[in-house]
Amino acid sequence: MWKWVDDKAKNAYKNWKCTINTIRKENPGKIPEEFEHRLDEWNWLLKHFESDGFTRRSAANKSNRDKKTLHHHTGARSFIYKAKELKDKGEHLYFIKSYSQAYNSAHN
């Protein structure tokens, strides 16, 4: 259970940092409201976002995302749930069909 809690906390923190970085990029020089009375934390985040390590990782991740040739189109539903749904409907090739529905579309 603790691993699940830890994973959720890490994911929430990562998403929050991403949101803050987006706000920083869209409003250069402006301090977000939630940091008006926490300038030390804002300055730490600015240093973090401008560090060599962060900018290198960010550029590498963006490049890797751009290289993707297949994009998932079924929303948050996993293959397993979609495959089970198709199996329950009597589909014989349910796992293959669930993959096909997720990746075969006009968007790819």
C-alpha atoms as a PDB file:
ATOM      1  CA  MET A   1       0.000   0.000   0.000  1.00  0.00           C
ATOM      2  CA  TRP A   2       2.833   2.422   0.821  1.00  0.00           C
ATOM      3  CA  LYS A   3       4.267   2.023  -2.664  1.00  0.00           C
ATOM      4  CA  TRP A   4       0.884   3.083  -4.100  1.00  0.00           C
ATOM      5  CA  VAL A   5       0.771   6.150  -1.813  1.00  0.00           C
ATOM      6  CA  ASP A   6       4.376   6.996  -2.672  1.00  0.00           C
ATOM      7  CA  ASP A   7       3.684   6.648  -6.423  1.00  0.00           C
ATOM      8  CA  LYS A   8       0.584   8.865  -6.162  1.00  0.00           C
ATOM      9  CA  ALA A   9       2.513  11.535  -4.242  1.00  0.00           C
ATOM     10  CA  LYS A  10       5.395  11.487  -6.750  1.00  0.00           C
ATOM     11  CA  ASN A  11       2.982  11.765  -9.662  1.00  0.00           C
ATOM     12  CA  ALA A  12       1.062  14.638  -8.041  1.00  0.00           C
ATOM     13  CA  TYR A  13       4.329  16.504  -7.342  1.00  0.00           C
ATOM     14  CA  LYS A  14       5.579  15.927 -10.896  1.00  0.00           C
ATOM     15  CA  ASN A  15       2.285  17.208 -12.373  1.00  0.00           C
ATOM     16  CA  TRP A  16       2.318  20.234 -10.060  1.00  0.00           C
ATOM     17  CA  LYS A  17       5.895  21.102 -11.113  1.00  0.00           C
ATOM     18  CA  CYS A  18       4.879  20.769 -14.753  1.00  0.00           C
ATOM     19  CA  THR A  19       1.960  23.156 -14.217  1.00  0.00           C
ATOM     20  CA  ILE A  20       4.182  25.670 -12.424  1.00  0.00           C
ATOM     21  CA  ASN A  21       6.791  25.457 -15.200  1.00  0.00           C
ATOM     22  CA  THR A  22       4.099  26.087 -17.827  1.00  0.00           C
ATOM     23  CA  ILE A  23       2.864  29.125 -15.875  1.00  0.00           C
ATOM     24  CA  ARG A  24       6.487  30.364 -15.624  1.00  0.00           C
ATOM     25  CA  LYS A  25       6.992  30.038 -19.382  1.00  0.00           C
ATOM     26  CA  GLU A  26       3.701  31.767 -20.240  1.00  0.00           C
ATOM     27  CA  ASN A  27       4.254  34.656 -17.778  1.00  0.00           C
ATOM     28  CA  PRO A  28       8.001  35.379 -17.611  1.00  0.00           C
ATOM     29  CA  GLY A  29       8.971  37.548 -14.654  1.00  0.00           C
ATOM     30  CA  LYS A  30       5.599  37.109 -12.924  1.00  0.00           C
ATOM     31  CA  ILE A  31       5.367  35.255  -9.612  1.00  0.00           C
ATOM     32  CA  PRO A  32       2.347  32.922  -9.351  1.00  0.00           C
ATOM     33  CA  GLU A  33      -0.127  33.794  -6.585  1.00  0.00           C
ATOM     34  CA  GLU A  34       0.639  30.691  -4.544  1.00  0.00           C
ATOM     35  CA  PHE A  35       4.287  31.817  -4.256  1.00  0.00           C
ATOM     36  CA  GLU A  36       3.772  35.489  -3.391  1.00  0.00           C
ATOM     37  CA  HIS A  37       4.598  34.807   0.278  1.00  0.00           C
ATOM     38  CA  ARG A  38       7.050  31.970  -0.420  1.00  0.00           C
ATOM     39  CA  LEU A  39       9.733  33.632  -2.526  1.00  0.00           C
ATOM     40  CA  ASP A  40      12.448  31.255  -1.313  1.00  0.00           C
ATOM     41  CA  GLU A  41      10.517  28.300  -2.750  1.00  0.00           C
ATOM     42  CA  TRP A  42       9.841  30.171  -6.006  1.00  0.00           C
ATOM     43  CA  ASN A  43      13.523  31.038  -6.382  1.00  0.00           C
ATOM     44  CA  TRP A  44      14.452  27.385  -5.746  1.00  0.00           C
ATOM     45  CA  LEU A  45      12.025  26.264  -8.481  1.00  0.00           C
ATOM     46  CA  LEU A  46      13.376  28.870 -10.917  1.00  0.00           C
ATOM     47  CA  LYS A  47      16.900  27.595 -10.298  1.00  0.00           C
ATOM     48  CA  HIS A  48      15.653  24.034 -10.801  1.00  0.00           C
ATOM     49  CA  PHE A  49      13.845  24.819 -14.088  1.00  0.00           C
ATOM     50  CA  GLU A  50      16.891  26.653 -15.453  1.00  0.00           C
ATOM     51  CA  SER A  51      19.474  24.051 -14.360  1.00  0.00           C
ATOM     52  CA  ASP A  52      21.458  22.166 -16.997  1.00  0.00           C
ATOM     53  CA  GLY A  53      20.156  18.809 -15.815  1.00  0.00           C
ATOM     54  CA  PHE A  54      16.504  19.841 -16.051  1.00  0.00           C
ATOM     55  CA  THR A  55      16.846  21.514 -19.445  1.00  0.00           C
ATOM     56  CA  ARG A  56      18.751  18.517 -20.880  1.00  0.00           C
ATOM     57  CA  ARG A  57      16.154  16.025 -19.583  1.00  0.00           C
ATOM     58  CA  SER A  58      13.325  18.229 -20.783  1.00  0.00           C
ATOM     59  CA  ALA A  59      14.792  18.503 -24.290  1.00  0.00           C
ATOM     60  CA  ALA A  60      15.433  14.742 -24.435  1.00  0.00           C
ATOM     61  CA  ASN A  61      11.881  13.939 -23.299  1.00  0.00           C
ATOM     62  CA  LYS A  62      10.393  16.350 -25.855  1.00  0.00           C
ATOM     63  CA  SER A  63      12.495  14.793 -28.604  1.00  0.00           C
ATOM     64  CA  ASN A  64      11.407  11.285 -27.579  1.00  0.00           C
ATOM     65  CA  ARG A  65       7.723  12.289 -27.539  1.00  0.00           C
ATOM     66  CA  ASP A  66       8.099  13.751 -31.033  1.00  0.00           C
ATOM     67  CA  LYS A  67       9.485  10.425 -32.287  1.00  0.00           C
ATOM     68  CA  LYS A  68       6.381   8.468 -31.271  1.00  0.00           C
ATOM     69  CA  THR A  69       4.608   6.950 -34.249  1.00  0.00           C
ATOM     70  CA  LEU A  70       1.694   5.407 -32.349  1.00  0.00           C
ATOM     71  CA  HIS A  71      -0.583   7.429 -30.112  1.00  0.00           C
ATOM     72  CA  HIS A  72      -3.082   6.004 -27.634  1.00  0.00           C
ATOM     73  CA  HIS A  73      -6.689   7.025 -28.427  1.00  0.00           C
ATOM     74  CA  THR A  74      -8.852   5.298 -25.839  1.00  0.00           C
ATOM     75  CA  GLY A  75      -8.421   7.747 -23.000  1.00  0.00           C
ATOM     76  CA  ALA A  76      -7.575   6.534 -19.515  1.00  0.00           C
ATOM     77  CA  ARG A  77      -8.939   3.016 -20.045  1.00  0.00           C
ATOM     78  CA  SER A  78      -6.224   0.376 -20.045  1.00  0.00           C
ATOM     79  CA  PHE A  79      -5.897  -2.381 -22.635  1.00  0.00           C
ATOM     80  CA  ILE A  80      -6.870  -4.985 -20.047  1.00  0.00           C
ATOM     81  CA  TYR A  81     -10.213  -3.333 -19.257  1.00  0.00           C
ATOM     82  CA  LYS A  82     -10.967  -2.745 -22.925  1.00  0.00           C
ATOM     83  CA  ALA A  83      -9.993  -6.341 -23.785  1.00  0.00           C
ATOM     84  CA  LYS A  84     -12.210  -7.693 -20.972  1.00  0.00           C
ATOM     85  CA  GLU A  85     -15.115  -5.573 -22.220  1.00  0.00           C
ATOM     86  CA  LEU A  86     -14.694  -7.017 -25.734  1.00  0.00           C
ATOM     87  CA  LYS A  87     -14.313 -10.571 -24.362  1.00  0.00           C
ATOM     88  CA  ASP A  88     -17.532 -10.174 -22.350  1.00  0.00           C
ATOM     89  CA  LYS A  89     -19.285  -9.123 -25.579  1.00  0.00           C
ATOM     90  CA  GLY A  90     -18.159 -12.391 -27.200  1.00  0.00           C
ATOM     91  CA  GLU A  91     -15.323 -11.047 -29.333  1.00  0.00           C
ATOM     92  CA  HIS A  92     -12.907 -13.892 -30.179  1.00  0.00           C
ATOM     93  CA  LEU A  93      -9.832 -11.784 -30.893  1.00  0.00           C
ATOM     94  CA  TYR A  94     -10.565  -9.391 -28.039  1.00  0.00           C
ATOM     95  CA  PHE A  95      -6.961  -8.551 -27.122  1.00  0.00           C
ATOM     96  CA  ILE A  96      -5.937  -7.806 -30.708  1.00  0.00           C
ATOM     97  CA  LYS A  97      -9.088  -5.779 -31.302  1.00  0.00           C
ATOM     98  CA  SER A  98      -8.530  -3.701 -28.119  1.00  0.00           C
ATOM     99  CA  TYR A  99      -5.006  -2.849 -29.317  1.00  0.00           C
ATOM    100  CA  SER A 100      -6.365  -1.999 -32.747  1.00  0.00           C
ATOM    101  CA  GLN A 101      -8.998   0.336 -31.293  1.00  0.00           C
ATOM    102  CA  ALA A 102      -6.383   2.110 -29.185  1.00  0.00           C
ATOM    103  CA  TYR A 103      -3.817   2.689 -31.928  1.00  0.00           C
ATOM    104  CA  ASN A 104      -5.440   2.422 -35.364  1.00  0.00           C
ATOM    105  CA  SER A 105      -7.089   5.714 -36.150  1.00  0.00           C
ATOM    106  CA  ALA A 106      -6.833   8.647 -38.509  1.00  0.00           C
ATOM    107  CA  HIS A 107      -4.622  10.413 -35.927  1.00  0.00           C
ATOM    108  CA  ASN A 108      -1.661   8.016 -36.347  1.00  0.00           C
END
